[in-house]
Amino acid sequence: EERRDTFEGARAVELSRIEKKVYRGLIANPDMHDSSVAKQIDVTRQTVTKMRRHFESLGLLKLVRIPNLATMGYQVLVVLHQRYRSNQVLESRLAVEAPFYDKQPVIFRVSADSEAVEVLAYHQFQDYVDSVNAIAKFSREQRFIEREPDAFVFSLKDLFAIKNHVYDRAVERVLLPELA
């Protein structure tokens, strides 16, 4: 069975003030151990650990491990943006796209009826050229797109991540508007 992560299924969850505080602390400090988060937000480590597990069971938190691509020999990172024809909705494309994209070096892909954004990693620049040409050719042949995708190319050697995945401000505005 194909596993497909979606943004569907959101439901309202009522959190106490302390749960909100711990949730925001975990979001704001994703690289910290529970004990360090506990010290920072002035609760016990046990409280943070118990609540983190509870948030994970509710689907409010998800642990994701992100490898250092440069240490694995990748040199090129590409953000690809495709716009689809109005008659090529996601549901009609999915069965055809899935086997094709399984062979591409996709790190992240989010797709909707009208467009998709992909992040891909390549060992060499020529690998990028060949792959993006193949993606564009595939999408043209399937009549999914009207024009070539937009590609934003970065050298991993020259990239500097200022901070990865900053979610704490968004969470703060929803859970703790009185502190924002």
C-alpha atoms as a PDB file:
ATOM      1  CA  GLU A   1       0.000   0.000   0.000  1.00  0.00           C
ATOM      2  CA  GLU A   2       1.288   3.438  -0.933  1.00  0.00           C
ATOM      3  CA  ARG A   3       1.867   5.786   1.992  1.00  0.00           C
ATOM      4  CA  ARG A   4       0.774   9.312   1.253  1.00  0.00           C
ATOM      5  CA  ASP A   5       1.203  12.075   3.804  1.00  0.00           C
ATOM      6  CA  THR A   6      -1.422  14.767   3.509  1.00  0.00           C
ATOM      7  CA  PHE A   7      -2.493  17.874   5.328  1.00  0.00           C
ATOM      8  CA  GLU A   8      -5.985  16.434   5.725  1.00  0.00           C
ATOM      9  CA  GLY A   9      -7.503  15.232   8.943  1.00  0.00           C
ATOM     10  CA  ALA A  10      -6.760  18.302  11.043  1.00  0.00           C
ATOM     11  CA  ARG A  11      -8.859  18.450  14.154  1.00  0.00           C
ATOM     12  CA  ALA A  12      -9.172  20.852  17.030  1.00  0.00           C
ATOM     13  CA  VAL A  13      -7.258  19.867  20.146  1.00  0.00           C
ATOM     14  CA  GLU A  14      -7.795  21.603  23.461  1.00  0.00           C
ATOM     15  CA  LEU A  15      -4.563  22.153  25.393  1.00  0.00           C
ATOM     16  CA  SER A  16      -4.126  23.458  28.909  1.00  0.00           C
ATOM     17  CA  ARG A  17      -1.890  26.467  29.520  1.00  0.00           C
ATOM     18  CA  ILE A  18       1.001  24.221  30.654  1.00  0.00           C
ATOM     19  CA  GLU A  19       0.534  21.980  27.599  1.00  0.00           C
ATOM     20  CA  LYS A  20       0.679  25.054  25.366  1.00  0.00           C
ATOM     21  CA  LYS A  21       3.839  26.187  27.131  1.00  0.00           C
ATOM     22  CA  VAL A  22       5.520  22.791  26.712  1.00  0.00           C
ATOM     23  CA  TYR A  23       4.351  22.434  23.107  1.00  0.00           C
ATOM     24  CA  ARG A  24       5.765  25.832  22.189  1.00  0.00           C
ATOM     25  CA  GLY A  25       8.991  25.029  24.066  1.00  0.00           C
ATOM     26  CA  LEU A  26       9.431  21.824  22.069  1.00  0.00           C
ATOM     27  CA  ILE A  27       8.670  23.595  18.785  1.00  0.00           C
ATOM     28  CA  ALA A  28      11.004  26.505  19.526  1.00  0.00           C
ATOM     29  CA  ASN A  29      13.858  24.189  20.555  1.00  0.00           C
ATOM     30  CA  PRO A  30      13.670  21.118  18.302  1.00  0.00           C
ATOM     31  CA  ASP A  31      17.326  20.189  18.773  1.00  0.00           C
ATOM     32  CA  MET A  32      17.296  20.322  22.567  1.00  0.00           C
ATOM     33  CA  HIS A  33      16.900  17.350  24.874  1.00  0.00           C
ATOM     34  CA  ASP A  34      13.781  17.276  27.022  1.00  0.00           C
ATOM     35  CA  SER A  35      15.805  18.233  30.102  1.00  0.00           C
ATOM     36  CA  SER A  36      17.150  21.390  28.415  1.00  0.00           C
ATOM     37  CA  VAL A  37      13.687  22.366  27.192  1.00  0.00           C
ATOM     38  CA  ALA A  38      12.369  21.798  30.716  1.00  0.00           C
ATOM     39  CA  LYS A  39      14.986  24.137  32.202  1.00  0.00           C
ATOM     40  CA  GLN A  40      14.270  26.801  29.596  1.00  0.00           C
ATOM     41  CA  ILE A  41      10.508  26.820  30.192  1.00  0.00           C
ATOM     42  CA  ASP A  42      10.686  26.103  33.942  1.00  0.00           C
ATOM     43  CA  VAL A  43       8.961  22.722  34.186  1.00  0.00           C
ATOM     44  CA  THR A  44      10.273  19.261  35.042  1.00  0.00           C
ATOM     45  CA  ARG A  45      11.936  16.996  32.479  1.00  0.00           C
ATOM     46  CA  GLN A  46       9.300  14.363  33.219  1.00  0.00           C
ATOM     47  CA  THR A  47       6.565  16.839  32.299  1.00  0.00           C
ATOM     48  CA  VAL A  48       8.233  17.647  28.984  1.00  0.00           C
ATOM     49  CA  THR A  49       8.862  13.969  28.157  1.00  0.00           C
ATOM     50  CA  LYS A  50       5.316  12.911  29.060  1.00  0.00           C
ATOM     51  CA  MET A  51       3.749  15.743  27.094  1.00  0.00           C
ATOM     52  CA  ARG A  52       6.062  15.265  24.089  1.00  0.00           C
ATOM     53  CA  ARG A  53       4.955  11.623  23.864  1.00  0.00           C
ATOM     54  CA  HIS A  54       1.328  12.698  24.217  1.00  0.00           C
ATOM     55  CA  PHE A  55       1.731  15.308  21.446  1.00  0.00           C
ATOM     56  CA  GLU A  56       3.325  12.655  19.212  1.00  0.00           C
ATOM     57  CA  SER A  57       0.432  10.240  19.859  1.00  0.00           C
ATOM     58  CA  LEU A  58      -2.048  12.987  18.909  1.00  0.00           C
ATOM     59  CA  GLY A  59      -0.113  13.722  15.732  1.00  0.00           C
ATOM     60  CA  LEU A  60       0.793  17.235  16.919  1.00  0.00           C
ATOM     61  CA  LEU A  61       4.526  16.497  16.709  1.00  0.00           C
ATOM     62  CA  LYS A  62       6.503  14.284  14.375  1.00  0.00           C
ATOM     63  CA  LEU A  63      10.183  13.433  14.662  1.00  0.00           C
ATOM     64  CA  VAL A  64      12.059  13.864  11.394  1.00  0.00           C
ATOM     65  CA  ARG A  65      15.746  13.113  10.957  1.00  0.00           C
ATOM     66  CA  ILE A  66      17.446  15.188   8.269  1.00  0.00           C
ATOM     67  CA  PRO A  67      20.834  13.992   7.006  1.00  0.00           C
ATOM     68  CA  ASN A  68      23.685  16.294   6.040  1.00  0.00           C
ATOM     69  CA  LEU A  69      23.576  15.894   2.251  1.00  0.00           C
ATOM     70  CA  ALA A  70      27.048  17.374   1.712  1.00  0.00           C
ATOM     71  CA  THR A  71      28.661  14.611   3.777  1.00  0.00           C
ATOM     72  CA  MET A  72      27.032  12.081   1.450  1.00  0.00           C
ATOM     73  CA  GLY A  73      28.613  13.645  -1.622  1.00  0.00           C
ATOM     74  CA  TYR A  74      25.680  15.720  -2.843  1.00  0.00           C
ATOM     75  CA  GLN A  75      26.725  19.004  -4.440  1.00  0.00           C
ATOM     76  CA  VAL A  76      23.551  20.468  -5.951  1.00  0.00           C
ATOM     77  CA  LEU A  77      20.203  21.259  -4.347  1.00  0.00           C
ATOM     78  CA  VAL A  78      17.288  22.250  -6.594  1.00  0.00           C
ATOM     79  CA  VAL A  79      13.883  23.701  -5.838  1.00  0.00           C
ATOM     80  CA  LEU A  80      11.563  22.944  -8.759  1.00  0.00           C
ATOM     81  CA  HIS A  81       8.182  24.631  -9.247  1.00  0.00           C
ATOM     82  CA  GLN A  82       5.711  23.210 -11.745  1.00  0.00           C
ATOM     83  CA  ARG A  83       2.346  24.622 -12.772  1.00  0.00           C
ATOM     84  CA  TYR A  84      -0.199  22.166 -14.136  1.00  0.00           C
ATOM     85  CA  ARG A  85      -2.895  22.555 -16.762  1.00  0.00           C
ATOM     86  CA  SER A  86      -6.333  23.104 -15.233  1.00  0.00           C
ATOM     87  CA  ASN A  87      -7.576  19.720 -16.476  1.00  0.00           C
ATOM     88  CA  GLN A  88      -4.646  17.851 -14.873  1.00  0.00           C
ATOM     89  CA  VAL A  89      -5.765  17.661 -11.262  1.00  0.00           C
ATOM     90  CA  LEU A  90      -3.715  15.765  -8.702  1.00  0.00           C
ATOM     91  CA  GLU A  91      -6.049  12.784  -8.561  1.00  0.00           C
ATOM     92  CA  SER A  92      -5.721  12.184 -12.310  1.00  0.00           C
ATOM     93  CA  ARG A  93      -1.907  12.633 -12.278  1.00  0.00           C
ATOM     94  CA  LEU A  94      -1.041  10.659  -9.158  1.00  0.00           C
ATOM     95  CA  ALA A  95      -0.999   7.108 -10.558  1.00  0.00           C
ATOM     96  CA  VAL A  96       1.166   8.179 -13.496  1.00  0.00           C
ATOM     97  CA  GLU A  97       3.485  10.475 -11.514  1.00  0.00           C
ATOM     98  CA  ALA A  98       4.199   8.174  -8.564  1.00  0.00           C
ATOM     99  CA  PRO A  99       6.280   5.538 -10.427  1.00  0.00           C
ATOM    100  CA  PHE A 100       8.189   8.260 -12.291  1.00  0.00           C
ATOM    101  CA  TYR A 101       9.011  10.269  -9.155  1.00  0.00           C
ATOM    102  CA  ASP A 102      10.080   7.146  -7.273  1.00  0.00           C
ATOM    103  CA  LYS A 103      13.124   7.139  -9.592  1.00  0.00           C
ATOM    104  CA  GLN A 104      13.989  10.814  -8.983  1.00  0.00           C
ATOM    105  CA  PRO A 105      16.204  12.121  -6.138  1.00  0.00           C
ATOM    106  CA  VAL A 106      13.296  13.876  -4.427  1.00  0.00           C
ATOM    107  CA  ILE A 107      13.856  14.994  -0.845  1.00  0.00           C
ATOM    108  CA  PHE A 108      10.543  16.771  -0.472  1.00  0.00           C
ATOM    109  CA  ARG A 109       7.550  17.105  -2.762  1.00  0.00           C
ATOM    110  CA  VAL A 110       4.238  18.798  -2.191  1.00  0.00           C
ATOM    111  CA  SER A 111       1.659  18.727  -4.950  1.00  0.00           C
ATOM    112  CA  ALA A 112      -1.818  20.110  -5.463  1.00  0.00           C
ATOM    113  CA  ASP A 113      -4.220  20.335  -8.374  1.00  0.00           C
ATOM    114  CA  SER A 114      -2.603  23.397  -9.923  1.00  0.00           C
ATOM    115  CA  GLU A 115       1.060  23.185  -8.953  1.00  0.00           C
ATOM    116  CA  ALA A 116       3.862  21.288  -7.252  1.00  0.00           C
ATOM    117  CA  VAL A 117       7.088  22.191  -5.503  1.00  0.00           C
ATOM    118  CA  GLU A 118       9.926  19.705  -5.238  1.00  0.00           C
ATOM    119  CA  VAL A 119      13.313  19.763  -3.557  1.00  0.00           C
ATOM    120  CA  LEU A 120      15.841  17.461  -5.209  1.00  0.00           C
ATOM    121  CA  ALA A 121      19.501  16.674  -4.458  1.00  0.00           C
ATOM    122  CA  TYR A 122      22.202  15.703  -6.949  1.00  0.00           C
ATOM    123  CA  HIS A 123      25.786  14.546  -6.696  1.00  0.00           C
ATOM    124  CA  GLN A 124      26.872  16.539  -9.734  1.00  0.00           C
ATOM    125  CA  PHE A 125      25.564  19.390 -11.836  1.00  0.00           C
ATOM    126  CA  GLN A 126      25.164  17.152 -14.881  1.00  0.00           C
ATOM    127  CA  ASP A 127      22.932  14.823 -12.835  1.00  0.00           C
ATOM    128  CA  TYR A 128      20.709  17.841 -12.145  1.00  0.00           C
ATOM    129  CA  VAL A 129      20.575  18.805 -15.840  1.00  0.00           C
ATOM    130  CA  ASP A 130      19.671  15.256 -16.897  1.00  0.00           C
ATOM    131  CA  SER A 131      17.044  14.805 -14.174  1.00  0.00           C
ATOM    132  CA  VAL A 132      15.278  18.141 -14.585  1.00  0.00           C
ATOM    133  CA  ASN A 133      15.197  17.629 -18.353  1.00  0.00           C
ATOM    134  CA  ALA A 134      13.653  14.192 -17.757  1.00  0.00           C
ATOM    135  CA  ILE A 135      11.049  15.658 -15.379  1.00  0.00           C
ATOM    136  CA  ALA A 136      10.113  18.383 -17.857  1.00  0.00           C
ATOM    137  CA  LYS A 137       9.981  15.903 -20.747  1.00  0.00           C
ATOM    138  CA  PHE A 138       7.810  13.500 -18.734  1.00  0.00           C
ATOM    139  CA  SER A 139       5.404  16.289 -17.723  1.00  0.00           C
ATOM    140  CA  ARG A 140       5.203  17.591 -21.315  1.00  0.00           C
ATOM    141  CA  GLU A 141       4.628  14.109 -22.765  1.00  0.00           C
ATOM    142  CA  GLN A 142       1.859  13.467 -20.254  1.00  0.00           C
ATOM    143  CA  ARG A 143       0.438  16.906 -21.151  1.00  0.00           C
ATOM    144  CA  PHE A 144       0.509  17.870 -17.460  1.00  0.00           C
ATOM    145  CA  ILE A 145       2.180  21.265 -17.979  1.00  0.00           C
ATOM    146  CA  GLU A 146       1.998  24.102 -20.477  1.00  0.00           C
ATOM    147  CA  ARG A 147       5.475  25.504 -19.845  1.00  0.00           C
ATOM    148  CA  GLU A 148       8.802  24.431 -18.441  1.00  0.00           C
ATOM    149  CA  PRO A 149       9.144  24.200 -14.639  1.00  0.00           C
ATOM    150  CA  ASP A 150      10.980  26.946 -12.773  1.00  0.00           C
ATOM    151  CA  ALA A 151      14.222  25.644 -11.254  1.00  0.00           C
ATOM    152  CA  PHE A 152      16.195  27.334  -8.503  1.00  0.00           C
ATOM    153  CA  VAL A 153      19.658  25.773  -8.279  1.00  0.00           C
ATOM    154  CA  PHE A 154      21.953  25.987  -5.255  1.00  0.00           C
ATOM    155  CA  SER A 155      25.428  24.674  -4.594  1.00  0.00           C
ATOM    156  CA  LEU A 156      25.385  22.753  -1.298  1.00  0.00           C
ATOM    157  CA  LYS A 157      28.976  23.838  -0.707  1.00  0.00           C
ATOM    158  CA  ASP A 158      27.869  27.468  -0.654  1.00  0.00           C
ATOM    159  CA  LEU A 159      24.626  27.016   1.288  1.00  0.00           C
ATOM    160  CA  PHE A 160      24.417  28.101   4.876  1.00  0.00           C
ATOM    161  CA  ALA A 161      21.290  27.181   6.795  1.00  0.00           C
ATOM    162  CA  ILE A 162      20.511  30.068   9.103  1.00  0.00           C
ATOM    163  CA  LYS A 163      17.877  28.057  10.930  1.00  0.00           C
ATOM    164  CA  ASN A 164      15.960  25.078   9.696  1.00  0.00           C
ATOM    165  CA  HIS A 165      12.186  24.813   9.908  1.00  0.00           C
ATOM    166  CA  VAL A 166      11.156  27.754  12.062  1.00  0.00           C
ATOM    167  CA  TYR A 167       7.655  26.963  13.331  1.00  0.00           C
ATOM    168  CA  ASP A 168       7.625  28.478  16.792  1.00  0.00           C
ATOM    169  CA  ARG A 169       6.261  31.893  15.751  1.00  0.00           C
ATOM    170  CA  ALA A 170       3.341  30.318  13.881  1.00  0.00           C
ATOM    171  CA  VAL A 171       2.573  28.031  16.823  1.00  0.00           C
ATOM    172  CA  GLU A 172       2.873  30.923  19.258  1.00  0.00           C
ATOM    173  CA  ARG A 173       0.338  33.029  17.334  1.00  0.00           C
ATOM    174  CA  VAL A 174      -2.230  30.216  17.445  1.00  0.00           C
ATOM    175  CA  LEU A 175      -1.693  28.701  20.878  1.00  0.00           C
ATOM    176  CA  LEU A 176      -0.540  31.675  22.894  1.00  0.00           C
ATOM    177  CA  PRO A 177      -1.890  34.824  21.231  1.00  0.00           C
ATOM    178  CA  GLU A 178      -1.662  36.694  24.505  1.00  0.00           C
ATOM    179  CA  LEU A 179       2.149  36.254  24.430  1.00  0.00           C
ATOM    180  CA  ALA A 180       2.629  37.117  20.734  1.00  0.00           C
END
